[in-house]
C-alpha atoms as a PDB file:
ATOM      1  CA  MET A   1      98.992 174.708  39.204  1.00  0.00           C
ATOM      2  CA  THR A   2      98.389 177.713  37.107  1.00  0.00           C
ATOM      3  CA  GLU A   3      97.923 181.395  38.421  1.00  0.00           C
ATOM      4  CA  ALA A   4      94.212 181.056  37.473  1.00  0.00           C
ATOM      5  CA  ASP A   5      93.780 177.638  39.486  1.00  0.00           C
ATOM      6  CA  ALA A   6      95.610 179.199  42.255  1.00  0.00           C
ATOM      7  CA  GLY A   7      93.386 182.158  42.397  1.00  0.00           C
ATOM      8  CA  ALA A   8      90.347 180.200  41.896  1.00  0.00           C
ATOM      9  CA  ARG A   9      91.465 178.000  45.073  1.00  0.00           C
ATOM     10  CA  ARG A  10      91.891 181.266  47.282  1.00  0.00           C
ATOM     11  CA  ALA A  11      88.592 182.472  46.195  1.00  0.00           C
ATOM     12  CA  SER A  12      87.030 179.096  47.186  1.00  0.00           C
ATOM     13  CA  VAL A  13      89.012 179.234  50.455  1.00  0.00           C
ATOM     14  CA  ALA A  14      87.906 182.805  51.111  1.00  0.00           C
ATOM     15  CA  ARG A  15      84.227 182.045  50.485  1.00  0.00           C
ATOM     16  CA  GLY A  16      84.380 178.863  52.707  1.00  0.00           C
ATOM     17  CA  ALA A  17      85.881 181.267  55.585  1.00  0.00           C
ATOM     18  CA  ARG A  18      83.109 183.783  55.154  1.00  0.00           C
ATOM     19  CA  LEU A  19      80.515 181.008  55.461  1.00  0.00           C
ATOM     20  CA  VAL A  20      82.012 179.514  58.581  1.00  0.00           C
ATOM     21  CA  ALA A  21      82.246 183.096  59.955  1.00  0.00           C
ATOM     22  CA  VAL A  22      78.646 183.712  59.244  1.00  0.00           C
ATOM     23  CA  LEU A  23      77.230 180.248  60.683  1.00  0.00           C
ATOM     24  CA  LEU A  24      79.418 180.938  63.483  1.00  0.00           C
ATOM     25  CA  SER A  25      77.893 184.402  64.256  1.00  0.00           C
ATOM     26  CA  ILE A  26      74.506 182.846  63.781  1.00  0.00           C
ATOM     27  CA  VAL A  27      75.190 180.092  66.356  1.00  0.00           C
ATOM     28  CA  VAL A  28      76.661 182.612  68.707  1.00  0.00           C
ATOM     29  CA  ALA A  29      73.630 184.872  68.294  1.00  0.00           C
ATOM     30  CA  VAL A  30      71.145 181.992  68.992  1.00  0.00           C
ATOM     31  CA  ALA A  31      72.764 180.743  71.897  1.00  0.00           C
ATOM     32  CA  ALA A  32      72.906 184.406  73.197  1.00  0.00           C
ATOM     33  CA  ILE A  33      69.197 184.576  72.595  1.00  0.00           C
ATOM     34  CA  ILE A  34      68.564 181.188  74.359  1.00  0.00           C
ATOM     35  CA  VAL A  35      70.792 182.197  77.245  1.00  0.00           C
ATOM     36  CA  THR A  36      68.900 185.788  77.636  1.00  0.00           C
ATOM     37  CA  VAL A  37      65.539 184.052  77.565  1.00  0.00           C
ATOM     38  CA  VAL A  38      66.566 181.337  79.956  1.00  0.00           C
ATOM     39  CA  LEU A  39      68.239 183.899  82.668  1.00  0.00           C
ATOM     40  CA  THR A  40      65.668 186.838  82.138  1.00  0.00           C
ATOM     41  CA  GLY A  41      62.253 185.202  80.666  1.00  0.00           C
ATOM     42  CA  PRO A  42      59.262 183.424  82.341  1.00  0.00           C
ATOM     43  CA  PRO A  43      59.787 180.120  83.915  1.00  0.00           C
ATOM     44  CA  SER A  44      59.628 176.752  81.691  1.00  0.00           C
ATOM     45  CA  GLU A  45      57.088 174.374  82.642  1.00  0.00           C
ATOM     46  CA  GLN A  46      59.830 172.139  83.699  1.00  0.00           C
ATOM     47  CA  ASP A  47      60.884 174.882  86.200  1.00  0.00           C
ATOM     48  CA  LEU A  48      57.496 175.246  87.319  1.00  0.00           C
ATOM     49  CA  LEU A  49      57.159 171.353  87.781  1.00  0.00           C
ATOM     50  CA  ARG A  50      60.503 171.358  89.843  1.00  0.00           C
ATOM     51  CA  ASP A  51      59.529 174.359  91.948  1.00  0.00           C
ATOM     52  CA  ALA A  52      55.913 172.757  92.655  1.00  0.00           C
ATOM     53  CA  GLY A  53      57.761 169.916  94.050  1.00  0.00           C
ATOM     54  CA  VAL A  54      56.263 167.639  91.506  1.00  0.00           C
ATOM     55  CA  ILE A  55      59.260 166.107  89.869  1.00  0.00           C
ATOM     56  CA  GLY A  56      59.758 162.919  91.447  1.00  0.00           C
ATOM     57  CA  LYS A  57      56.672 162.745  93.536  1.00  0.00           C
ATOM     58  CA  ARG A  58      55.455 159.428  93.479  1.00  0.00           C
ATOM     59  CA  GLN A  59      51.700 159.961  94.509  1.00  0.00           C
ATOM     60  CA  LEU A  60      49.227 163.007  93.985  1.00  0.00           C
ATOM     61  CA  LEU A  61      46.673 163.582  96.757  1.00  0.00           C
ATOM     62  CA  ILE A  62      43.441 165.646  95.815  1.00  0.00           C
ATOM     63  CA  GLY A  63      40.729 166.399  98.388  1.00  0.00           C
ATOM     64  CA  VAL A  64      37.346 166.047  96.863  1.00  0.00           C
ATOM     65  CA  LYS A  65      33.661 165.814  97.946  1.00  0.00           C
ATOM     66  CA  ASP A  66      32.315 162.483  98.288  1.00  0.00           C
ATOM     67  CA  ASP A  67      28.415 163.178  98.535  1.00  0.00           C
ATOM     68  CA  GLN A  68      27.690 165.202  95.602  1.00  0.00           C
ATOM     69  CA  PRO A  69      25.964 163.316  92.664  1.00  0.00           C
ATOM     70  CA  GLY A  70      27.250 164.600  89.270  1.00  0.00           C
ATOM     71  CA  ILE A  71      30.055 166.552  90.842  1.00  0.00           C
ATOM     72  CA  ALA A  72      32.106 164.154  93.072  1.00  0.00           C
ATOM     73  CA  LEU A  73      30.389 161.029  94.513  1.00  0.00           C
ATOM     74  CA  LEU A  74      32.114 158.105  96.398  1.00  0.00           C
ATOM     75  CA  ASP A  75      30.585 154.716  95.436  1.00  0.00           C
ATOM     76  CA  ARG A  76      31.127 152.887  98.571  1.00  0.00           C
ATOM     77  CA  ASP A  77      30.732 149.357  97.177  1.00  0.00           C
ATOM     78  CA  THR A  78      33.493 150.114  94.621  1.00  0.00           C
ATOM     79  CA  GLY A  79      35.513 152.653  96.520  1.00  0.00           C
ATOM     80  CA  THR A  80      35.663 154.656  92.983  1.00  0.00           C
ATOM     81  CA  PHE A  81      34.766 158.496  92.765  1.00  0.00           C
ATOM     82  CA  SER A  82      32.905 159.907  89.790  1.00  0.00           C
ATOM     83  CA  GLY A  83      31.365 163.456  88.915  1.00  0.00           C
ATOM     84  CA  PHE A  84      32.361 166.498  86.902  1.00  0.00           C
ATOM     85  CA  ASP A  85      35.118 167.648  89.459  1.00  0.00           C
ATOM     86  CA  ILE A  86      36.630 164.192  89.348  1.00  0.00           C
ATOM     87  CA  ASP A  87      37.118 164.290  85.615  1.00  0.00           C
ATOM     88  CA  ILE A  88      38.587 167.768  85.880  1.00  0.00           C
ATOM     89  CA  ALA A  89      41.069 166.479  88.650  1.00  0.00           C
ATOM     90  CA  TRP A  90      41.941 163.671  86.229  1.00  0.00           C
ATOM     91  CA  MET A  91      42.638 166.172  83.607  1.00  0.00           C
ATOM     92  CA  ILE A  92      44.954 168.329  85.689  1.00  0.00           C
ATOM     93  CA  ALA A  93      46.655 165.342  87.170  1.00  0.00           C
ATOM     94  CA  ALA A  94      47.550 164.008  83.636  1.00  0.00           C
ATOM     95  CA  ASP A  95      48.825 167.648  82.556  1.00  0.00           C
ATOM     96  CA  LEU A  96      51.014 167.184  85.749  1.00  0.00           C
ATOM     97  CA  GLY A  97      52.348 163.967  84.570  1.00  0.00           C
ATOM     98  CA  PHE A  98      50.670 161.534  86.864  1.00  0.00           C
ATOM     99  CA  ARG A  99      48.953 158.439  85.798  1.00  0.00           C
ATOM    100  CA  ARG A 100      45.544 157.378  87.428  1.00  0.00           C
ATOM    101  CA  ASP A 101      47.365 154.836  89.592  1.00  0.00           C
ATOM    102  CA  ASP A 102      49.574 157.482  91.021  1.00  0.00           C
ATOM    103  CA  VAL A 103      46.350 159.699  92.018  1.00  0.00           C
ATOM    104  CA  ARG A 104      44.592 159.361  95.368  1.00  0.00           C
ATOM    105  CA  PHE A 105      41.443 161.035  95.985  1.00  0.00           C
ATOM    106  CA  LEU A 106      40.368 161.729  99.695  1.00  0.00           C
ATOM    107  CA  ALA A 107      37.117 162.985 101.008  1.00  0.00           C
ATOM    108  CA  ILE A 108      37.228 166.430 102.098  1.00  0.00           C
ATOM    109  CA  GLU A 109      34.604 168.311 104.190  1.00  0.00           C
ATOM    110  CA  SER A 110      33.708 171.916 103.482  1.00  0.00           C
ATOM    111  CA  GLU A 111      35.524 173.560 106.498  1.00  0.00           C
ATOM    112  CA  ASP A 112      38.623 171.841 105.917  1.00  0.00           C
ATOM    113  CA  ARG A 113      38.944 172.811 102.185  1.00  0.00           C
ATOM    114  CA  ALA A 114      40.985 176.167 103.204  1.00  0.00           C
ATOM    115  CA  LYS A 115      43.293 173.955 105.518  1.00  0.00           C
ATOM    116  CA  MET A 116      43.692 171.251 102.907  1.00  0.00           C
ATOM    117  CA  GLN A 117      43.122 168.557 105.245  1.00  0.00           C
ATOM    118  CA  ALA A 118      41.318 165.300 103.948  1.00  0.00           C
ATOM    119  CA  ARG A 119      40.718 162.114 105.748  1.00  0.00           C
ATOM    120  CA  THR A 120      41.753 158.722 104.863  1.00  0.00           C
ATOM    121  CA  ASP A 121      39.961 155.453 104.994  1.00  0.00           C
ATOM    122  CA  GLU A 122      41.516 154.754 108.164  1.00  0.00           C
ATOM    123  CA  GLY A 123      40.057 158.063 109.674  1.00  0.00           C
ATOM    124  CA  GLN A 124      43.475 159.774 109.679  1.00  0.00           C
ATOM    125  CA  PHE A 125      43.831 163.591 108.314  1.00  0.00           C
ATOM    126  CA  VAL A 126      46.460 164.382 105.614  1.00  0.00           C
ATOM    127  CA  THR A 127      47.588 167.380 103.997  1.00  0.00           C
ATOM    128  CA  VAL A 128      46.638 166.957 100.170  1.00  0.00           C
ATOM    129  CA  ASP A 129      48.080 168.769  97.054  1.00  0.00           C
ATOM    130  CA  LEU A 130      45.100 170.107  95.580  1.00  0.00           C
ATOM    131  CA  VAL A 131      41.402 170.615  96.655  1.00  0.00           C
ATOM    132  CA  ILE A 132      39.030 170.175  93.735  1.00  0.00           C
ATOM    133  CA  ALA A 133      35.755 170.259  95.691  1.00  0.00           C
ATOM    134  CA  SER A 134      33.019 172.573  94.396  1.00  0.00           C
ATOM    135  CA  TYR A 135      34.852 175.367  96.173  1.00  0.00           C
ATOM    136  CA  SER A 136      33.497 178.785  95.127  1.00  0.00           C
ATOM    137  CA  ILE A 137      36.180 181.647  94.779  1.00  0.00           C
ATOM    138  CA  THR A 138      35.200 184.501  96.976  1.00  0.00           C
ATOM    139  CA  ASP A 139      37.121 187.499  98.070  1.00  0.00           C
ATOM    140  CA  GLU A 140      36.531 186.376 101.796  1.00  0.00           C
ATOM    141  CA  ARG A 141      38.146 183.053 101.117  1.00  0.00           C
ATOM    142  CA  GLU A 142      41.065 184.499  99.113  1.00  0.00           C
ATOM    143  CA  GLN A 143      42.100 186.342 102.281  1.00  0.00           C
ATOM    144  CA  LEU A 144      42.434 183.189 104.266  1.00  0.00           C
ATOM    145  CA  THR A 145      46.009 181.818 105.096  1.00  0.00           C
ATOM    146  CA  GLY A 146      46.659 178.777 102.944  1.00  0.00           C
ATOM    147  CA  VAL A 147      44.225 179.503 100.081  1.00  0.00           C
ATOM    148  CA  SER A 148      45.552 180.336  96.628  1.00  0.00           C
ATOM    149  CA  PHE A 149      42.836 179.689  93.870  1.00  0.00           C
ATOM    150  CA  SER A 150      43.410 178.680  90.398  1.00  0.00           C
ATOM    151  CA  ALA A 151      41.488 180.327  87.633  1.00  0.00           C
ATOM    152  CA  PRO A 152      37.870 179.082  87.507  1.00  0.00           C
ATOM    153  CA  TYR A 153      36.968 175.736  85.926  1.00  0.00           C
ATOM    154  CA  LEU A 154      32.927 175.968  86.334  1.00  0.00           C
ATOM    155  CA  THR A 155      30.183 178.911  86.467  1.00  0.00           C
ATOM    156  CA  THR A 156      26.951 178.072  88.329  1.00  0.00           C
ATOM    157  CA  GLU A 157      24.628 180.089  90.847  1.00  0.00           C
ATOM    158  CA  GLN A 158      22.781 179.578  93.924  1.00  0.00           C
ATOM    159  CA  SER A 159      19.355 178.023  93.800  1.00  0.00           C
ATOM    160  CA  VAL A 160      16.787 176.170  95.867  1.00  0.00           C
ATOM    161  CA  ILE A 161      15.134 172.705  95.951  1.00  0.00           C
ATOM    162  CA  THR A 162      11.950 171.781  97.686  1.00  0.00           C
ATOM    163  CA  ARG A 163       9.720 168.796  97.739  1.00  0.00           C
ATOM    164  CA  ARG A 164       7.412 168.677  94.605  1.00  0.00           C
ATOM    165  CA  ASP A 165       4.405 168.890  96.991  1.00  0.00           C
ATOM    166  CA  TYR A 166       5.504 172.304  98.310  1.00  0.00           C
ATOM    167  CA  ALA A 167       2.550 174.475  98.136  1.00  0.00           C
ATOM    168  CA  GLY A 168       4.024 177.842  97.825  1.00  0.00           C
ATOM    169  CA  PRO A 169       5.786 179.801  95.030  1.00  0.00           C
ATOM    170  CA  VAL A 170       9.721 180.028  95.176  1.00  0.00           C
ATOM    171  CA  ASP A 171      10.755 182.607  92.891  1.00  0.00           C
ATOM    172  CA  THR A 172      13.212 184.339  95.470  1.00  0.00           C
ATOM    173  CA  LEU A 173      14.490 183.471  98.852  1.00  0.00           C
ATOM    174  CA  VAL A 174      12.122 185.813 100.339  1.00  0.00           C
ATOM    175  CA  ASP A 175       9.068 183.740  99.462  1.00  0.00           C
ATOM    176  CA  LEU A 176      10.836 181.138 101.981  1.00  0.00           C
ATOM    177  CA  ARG A 177      10.711 183.546 104.820  1.00  0.00           C
ATOM    178  CA  GLY A 178      10.102 181.974 108.368  1.00  0.00           C
ATOM    179  CA  LYS A 179      10.252 178.539 106.550  1.00  0.00           C
ATOM    180  CA  ARG A 180      13.182 175.863 107.661  1.00  0.00           C
ATOM    181  CA  VAL A 181      15.914 176.080 105.024  1.00  0.00           C
ATOM    182  CA  CYS A 182      19.121 173.961 105.063  1.00  0.00           C
ATOM    183  CA  SER A 183      22.591 174.820 103.850  1.00  0.00           C
ATOM    184  CA  LEU A 184      26.215 173.942 104.575  1.00  0.00           C
ATOM    185  CA  SER A 185      27.619 175.632 107.447  1.00  0.00           C
ATOM    186  CA  THR A 186      30.296 177.266 105.349  1.00  0.00           C
ATOM    187  CA  ALA A 187      28.410 177.840 102.092  1.00  0.00           C
ATOM    188  CA  THR A 188      28.391 181.168 100.503  1.00  0.00           C
ATOM    189  CA  SER A 189      24.453 180.708  99.957  1.00  0.00           C
ATOM    190  CA  GLU A 190      24.131 180.964 103.680  1.00  0.00           C
ATOM    191  CA  SER A 191      24.322 184.910 103.981  1.00  0.00           C
ATOM    192  CA  PRO A 192      21.780 185.556 101.247  1.00  0.00           C
ATOM    193  CA  ALA A 193      19.287 182.962 102.991  1.00  0.00           C
ATOM    194  CA  ALA A 194      19.894 184.675 106.325  1.00  0.00           C
ATOM    195  CA  ARG A 195      19.275 188.010 104.791  1.00  0.00           C
ATOM    196  CA  ALA A 196      15.757 186.972 103.408  1.00  0.00           C
ATOM    197  CA  GLY A 197      14.742 186.075 106.876  1.00  0.00           C
ATOM    198  CA  VAL A 198      14.443 182.143 106.542  1.00  0.00           C
ATOM    199  CA  GLU A 199      15.102 179.863 109.392  1.00  0.00           C
ATOM    200  CA  LEU A 200      18.564 178.477 108.703  1.00  0.00           C
ATOM    201  CA  ILE A 201      19.489 174.863 109.408  1.00  0.00           C
ATOM    202  CA  SER A 202      23.104 174.419 109.050  1.00  0.00           C
ATOM    203  CA  LYS A 203      24.730 170.977 108.268  1.00  0.00           C
ATOM    204  CA  LYS A 204      28.293 169.892 107.443  1.00  0.00           C
ATOM    205  CA  ARG A 205      27.302 167.794 104.390  1.00  0.00           C
ATOM    206  CA  ILE A 206      24.669 168.975 101.769  1.00  0.00           C
ATOM    207  CA  SER A 207      23.682 165.354 101.458  1.00  0.00           C
ATOM    208  CA  GLU A 208      22.178 165.595 104.970  1.00  0.00           C
ATOM    209  CA  CYS A 209      20.319 168.628 104.135  1.00  0.00           C
ATOM    210  CA  VAL A 210      18.642 166.722 101.039  1.00  0.00           C
ATOM    211  CA  ASP A 211      17.874 163.793 103.377  1.00  0.00           C
ATOM    212  CA  ALA A 212      16.306 166.100 105.942  1.00  0.00           C
ATOM    213  CA  LEU A 213      14.235 167.712 103.076  1.00  0.00           C
ATOM    214  CA  LEU A 214      13.047 164.286 101.751  1.00  0.00           C
ATOM    215  CA  LYS A 215      12.124 163.491 105.272  1.00  0.00           C
ATOM    216  CA  GLY A 216      10.087 166.695 105.403  1.00  0.00           C
ATOM    217  CA  ASP A 217      12.318 168.176 108.350  1.00  0.00           C
ATOM    218  CA  VAL A 218      12.960 171.000 106.205  1.00  0.00           C
ATOM    219  CA  GLU A 219      11.034 172.885 103.543  1.00  0.00           C
ATOM    220  CA  ALA A 220      13.983 173.910 101.305  1.00  0.00           C
ATOM    221  CA  VAL A 221      17.717 173.430 100.905  1.00  0.00           C
ATOM    222  CA  THR A 222      19.793 176.166  99.303  1.00  0.00           C
ATOM    223  CA  THR A 223      23.327 176.202  97.734  1.00  0.00           C
ATOM    224  CA  ASP A 224      24.762 175.996  94.358  1.00  0.00           C
ATOM    225  CA  ALA A 225      22.808 174.745  91.581  1.00  0.00           C
ATOM    226  CA  ALA A 226      25.376 172.313  90.068  1.00  0.00           C
ATOM    227  CA  ILE A 227      25.281 170.506  93.355  1.00  0.00           C
ATOM    228  CA  LEU A 228      21.495 170.395  93.951  1.00  0.00           C
ATOM    229  CA  ALA A 229      21.099 169.249  90.320  1.00  0.00           C
ATOM    230  CA  GLY A 230      22.539 165.935  90.850  1.00  0.00           C
ATOM    231  CA  PHE A 231      20.291 165.302  93.914  1.00  0.00           C
ATOM    232  CA  VAL A 232      17.206 166.255  91.646  1.00  0.00           C
ATOM    233  CA  ALA A 233      18.232 164.130  88.812  1.00  0.00           C
ATOM    234  CA  GLN A 234      18.436 161.360  91.771  1.00  0.00           C
ATOM    235  CA  HIS A 235      14.866 161.894  92.912  1.00  0.00           C
ATOM    236  CA  PRO A 236      13.092 163.590  89.739  1.00  0.00           C
ATOM    237  CA  GLU A 237       9.481 162.426  91.129  1.00  0.00           C
ATOM    238  CA  GLN A 238      10.117 163.875  94.676  1.00  0.00           C
ATOM    239  CA  LEU A 239      12.210 167.237  94.220  1.00  0.00           C
ATOM    240  CA  SER A 240      11.798 170.502  92.180  1.00  0.00           C
ATOM    241  CA  HIS A 241      14.642 172.927  91.377  1.00  0.00           C
ATOM    242  CA  HIS A 242      13.938 176.722  91.468  1.00  0.00           C
ATOM    243  CA  ASP A 243      15.631 179.698  90.032  1.00  0.00           C
ATOM    244  CA  ILE A 244      15.638 182.325  92.630  1.00  0.00           C
ATOM    245  CA  GLY A 245      16.908 185.206  90.491  1.00  0.00           C
ATOM    246  CA  LEU A 246      20.326 185.835  92.255  1.00  0.00           C
ATOM    247  CA  ASP A 247      22.736 187.856  90.018  1.00  0.00           C
ATOM    248  CA  PRO A 248      26.330 186.800  91.656  1.00  0.00           C
ATOM    249  CA  SER A 249      27.660 183.816  89.830  1.00  0.00           C
ATOM    250  CA  GLU A 250      29.616 180.995  91.899  1.00  0.00           C
ATOM    251  CA  LYS A 251      32.833 180.098  90.080  1.00  0.00           C
ATOM    252  CA  TYR A 252      34.779 176.911  91.274  1.00  0.00           C
ATOM    253  CA  GLY A 253      38.268 177.085  91.643  1.00  0.00           C
ATOM    254  CA  VAL A 254      41.205 174.789  92.616  1.00  0.00           C
ATOM    255  CA  ASN A 255      42.907 175.416  95.922  1.00  0.00           C
ATOM    256  CA  THR A 256      46.763 174.702  95.676  1.00  0.00           C
ATOM    257  CA  GLY A 257      47.462 176.362  99.217  1.00  0.00           C
ATOM    258  CA  ASP A 258      50.656 178.040  99.522  1.00  0.00           C
ATOM    259  CA  ASN A 259      52.212 176.307  96.417  1.00  0.00           C
ATOM    260  CA  GLU A 260      52.082 179.098  93.908  1.00  0.00           C
ATOM    261  CA  ALA A 261      53.950 177.236  91.196  1.00  0.00           C
ATOM    262  CA  LEU A 262      51.376 174.430  91.388  1.00  0.00           C
ATOM    263  CA  ARG A 263      48.785 176.955  90.925  1.00  0.00           C
ATOM    264  CA  ASP A 264      50.241 178.236  87.703  1.00  0.00           C
ATOM    265  CA  LEU A 265      50.675 174.838  86.645  1.00  0.00           C
ATOM    266  CA  VAL A 266      46.977 174.061  87.272  1.00  0.00           C
ATOM    267  CA  ASN A 267      46.096 177.359  85.409  1.00  0.00           C
ATOM    268  CA  LEU A 268      48.314 176.273  82.520  1.00  0.00           C
ATOM    269  CA  SER A 269      46.336 173.017  82.316  1.00  0.00           C
ATOM    270  CA  LEU A 270      43.199 174.744  82.316  1.00  0.00           C
ATOM    271  CA  TYR A 271      44.324 177.357  79.646  1.00  0.00           C
ATOM    272  CA  ASP A 272      45.608 174.683  77.396  1.00  0.00           C
ATOM    273  CA  SER A 273      42.187 172.939  77.990  1.00  0.00           C
ATOM    274  CA  LEU A 274      40.309 175.976  76.977  1.00  0.00           C
ATOM    275  CA  ASN A 275      42.160 177.291  73.868  1.00  0.00           C
ATOM    276  CA  ASP A 276      43.902 173.834  72.349  1.00  0.00           C
ATOM    277  CA  PRO A 277      40.880 172.964  69.906  1.00  0.00           C
ATOM    278  CA  GLN A 278      41.933 169.223  69.895  1.00  0.00           C
ATOM    279  CA  ASP A 279      41.431 169.209  73.813  1.00  0.00           C
ATOM    280  CA  HIS A 280      37.786 168.058  74.601  1.00  0.00           C
ATOM    281  CA  ARG A 281      38.222 166.978  78.058  1.00  0.00           C
ATOM    282  CA  TRP A 282      36.435 169.614  79.587  1.00  0.00           C
ATOM    283  CA  GLU A 283      33.443 169.447  77.167  1.00  0.00           C
ATOM    284  CA  ASP A 284      33.432 165.942  77.704  1.00  0.00           C
ATOM    285  CA  ALA A 285      33.224 166.094  81.395  1.00  0.00           C
ATOM    286  CA  TYR A 286      30.106 168.577  81.246  1.00  0.00           C
ATOM    287  CA  ASP A 287      28.372 166.462  78.599  1.00  0.00           C
ATOM    288  CA  LYS A 288      28.923 163.175  80.893  1.00  0.00           C
ATOM    289  CA  HIS A 289      27.881 164.530  84.179  1.00  0.00           C
ATOM    290  CA  LEU A 290      25.971 167.827  84.024  1.00  0.00           C
ATOM    291  CA  ARG A 291      24.097 168.304  80.688  1.00  0.00           C
ATOM    292  CA  PRO A 292      22.146 165.140  81.168  1.00  0.00           C
ATOM    293  CA  GLU A 293      20.648 166.524  84.584  1.00  0.00           C
ATOM    294  CA  GLN A 294      19.362 169.797  82.818  1.00  0.00           C
ATOM    295  CA  PRO A 295      16.156 168.273  81.688  1.00  0.00           C
ATOM    296  CA  VAL A 296      14.664 167.324  85.155  1.00  0.00           C
ATOM    297  CA  ASN A 297      16.177 170.632  86.722  1.00  0.00           C
ATOM    298  CA  LEU A 298      14.324 173.177  84.720  1.00  0.00           C
ATOM    299  CA  PRO A 299      13.604 176.018  84.816  1.00  0.00           C
ATOM    300  CA  GLN A 300      16.927 176.263  86.797  1.00  0.00           C
ATOM    301  CA  GLN A 301      20.198 176.161  84.975  1.00  0.00           C
ATOM    302  CA  VAL A 302      22.584 173.429  85.950  1.00  0.00           C
ATOM    303  CA  ALA A 303      25.895 175.313  85.082  1.00  0.00           C
ATOM    304  CA  VAL A 304      27.245 177.219  82.221  1.00  0.00           C
ATOM    305  CA  ASP A 305      28.185 174.804  79.256  1.00  0.00           C
ATOM    306  CA  ARG A 306      31.318 176.575  78.489  1.00  0.00           C
ATOM    307  CA  GLN A 307      34.773 176.661  80.193  1.00  0.00           C
ATOM    308  CA  PRO A 308      35.320 180.032  81.996  1.00  0.00           C
ATOM    309  CA  THR A 309      38.195 182.165  80.718  1.00  0.00           C
ATOM    310  CA  VAL A 310      41.550 181.545  81.854  1.00  0.00           C
ATOM    311  CA  GLU A 311      44.283 184.160  81.460  1.00  0.00           C
ATOM    312  CA  LYS A 312      47.571 183.183  79.641  1.00  0.00           C
ATOM    313  CA  VAL A 313      50.162 181.789  81.945  1.00  0.00           C
ATOM    314  CA  GLU A 314      53.641 183.473  81.691  1.00  0.00           C
ATOM    315  CA  VAL A 315      55.460 180.230  80.885  1.00  0.00           C
ATOM    316  CA  ARG A 316      58.571 179.799  78.415  1.00  0.00           C
ATOM    317  CA  ARG A 317      57.945 177.174  75.770  1.00  0.00           C
ATOM    318  CA  TRP A 318      59.710 176.426  72.747  1.00  0.00           C
ATOM    319  CA  PRO A 319      58.009 175.953  69.469  1.00  0.00           C
ATOM    320  CA  TRP A 320      58.398 172.143  69.532  1.00  0.00           C
ATOM    321  CA  GLU A 321      56.917 172.268  73.030  1.00  0.00           C
ATOM    322  CA  THR A 322      54.026 174.436  71.861  1.00  0.00           C
ATOM    323  CA  ALA A 323      53.414 172.111  68.884  1.00  0.00           C
ATOM    324  CA  ALA A 324      53.158 169.226  71.396  1.00  0.00           C
ATOM    325  CA  ILE A 325      50.302 170.613  73.300  1.00  0.00           C
ATOM    326  CA  GLY A 326      47.461 168.944  71.332  1.00  0.00           C
ATOM    327  CA  ALA A 327      48.975 165.652  71.998  1.00  0.00           C
ATOM    328  CA  ARG A 328      48.248 166.291  75.655  1.00  0.00           C
ATOM    329  CA  ALA A 329      44.556 166.436  75.038  1.00  0.00           C
ATOM    330  CA  VAL A 330      44.644 162.676  75.227  1.00  0.00           C
ATOM    331  CA  PRO A 331      47.681 161.610  77.223  1.00  0.00           C
ATOM    332  CA  ALA A 332      49.075 158.259  76.687  1.00  0.00           C
ATOM    333  CA  ASN A 333      48.649 157.451  80.372  1.00  0.00           C
ATOM    334  CA  ARG A 334      45.227 157.687  80.430  1.00  0.00           C
ATOM    335  CA  PRO A 335      43.126 154.385  80.206  1.00  0.00           C
END
């Protein structure tokens, strides 16, 4: 080997050594970044699933209403639920990794939503994982023990329905002063109605109020427009919907009880639904259940046809996980 060849070989070895050193420094730096992010950064989605007790869970129990057409209605002949709330529940369950066969809907009464106690077909009360039951977010409810609301998933407002043959104007609740007006015993609409001087009749189920209205036992029913709209759509020749001009909006949230990690996961599902251009599940639910009700409910708006704002959830996602979000818009486990 000549001196020139030996020099070239030494130079090549030196270059290789420098390259290895550079690559090693890059690996060390990347590893350090990963360790730092994992140890000090926000939790990953997998961390939240673990903390929420979802990993390995065989069945997701969801408390829903069963007597609100368009929102959540149980077909007692088939045993199946349908409505906007039900489709939102399917969306959230799918994003939590549950197949439809692993989701069980249980009827829940309004007074049991804070306690997260729903009843089984056998009449037993069980604690559910989620409550998705036209549950309006209020400051008072957020102070209750065991209540932790997600971000809102629907915006509506309080309104009134009467029979079509009702003679008087209904532009405000004051127009119903002295009249028999029915509402849910736990509804946020009770206070405005009471302040207006109506004779308030309280029921446990809104369907009982509507039955009383159809029979002529009360002059009006008041609660959220999104709930009342379904009954008007069922009885368009008998019922009228009135816009009573109340400013405060009703925003529905999911109650996850004391499970804050589960609340964050629900918010993550709602955030992705709102911000992923490939995800049309919220819009599809609105178009299927609420938009068709609008024509027969004029002049009252059924609900805002845009998903409410959801704050970004602080969760650690690697680039490949972020790129895969769009694929969740139509999960493989959905029929």
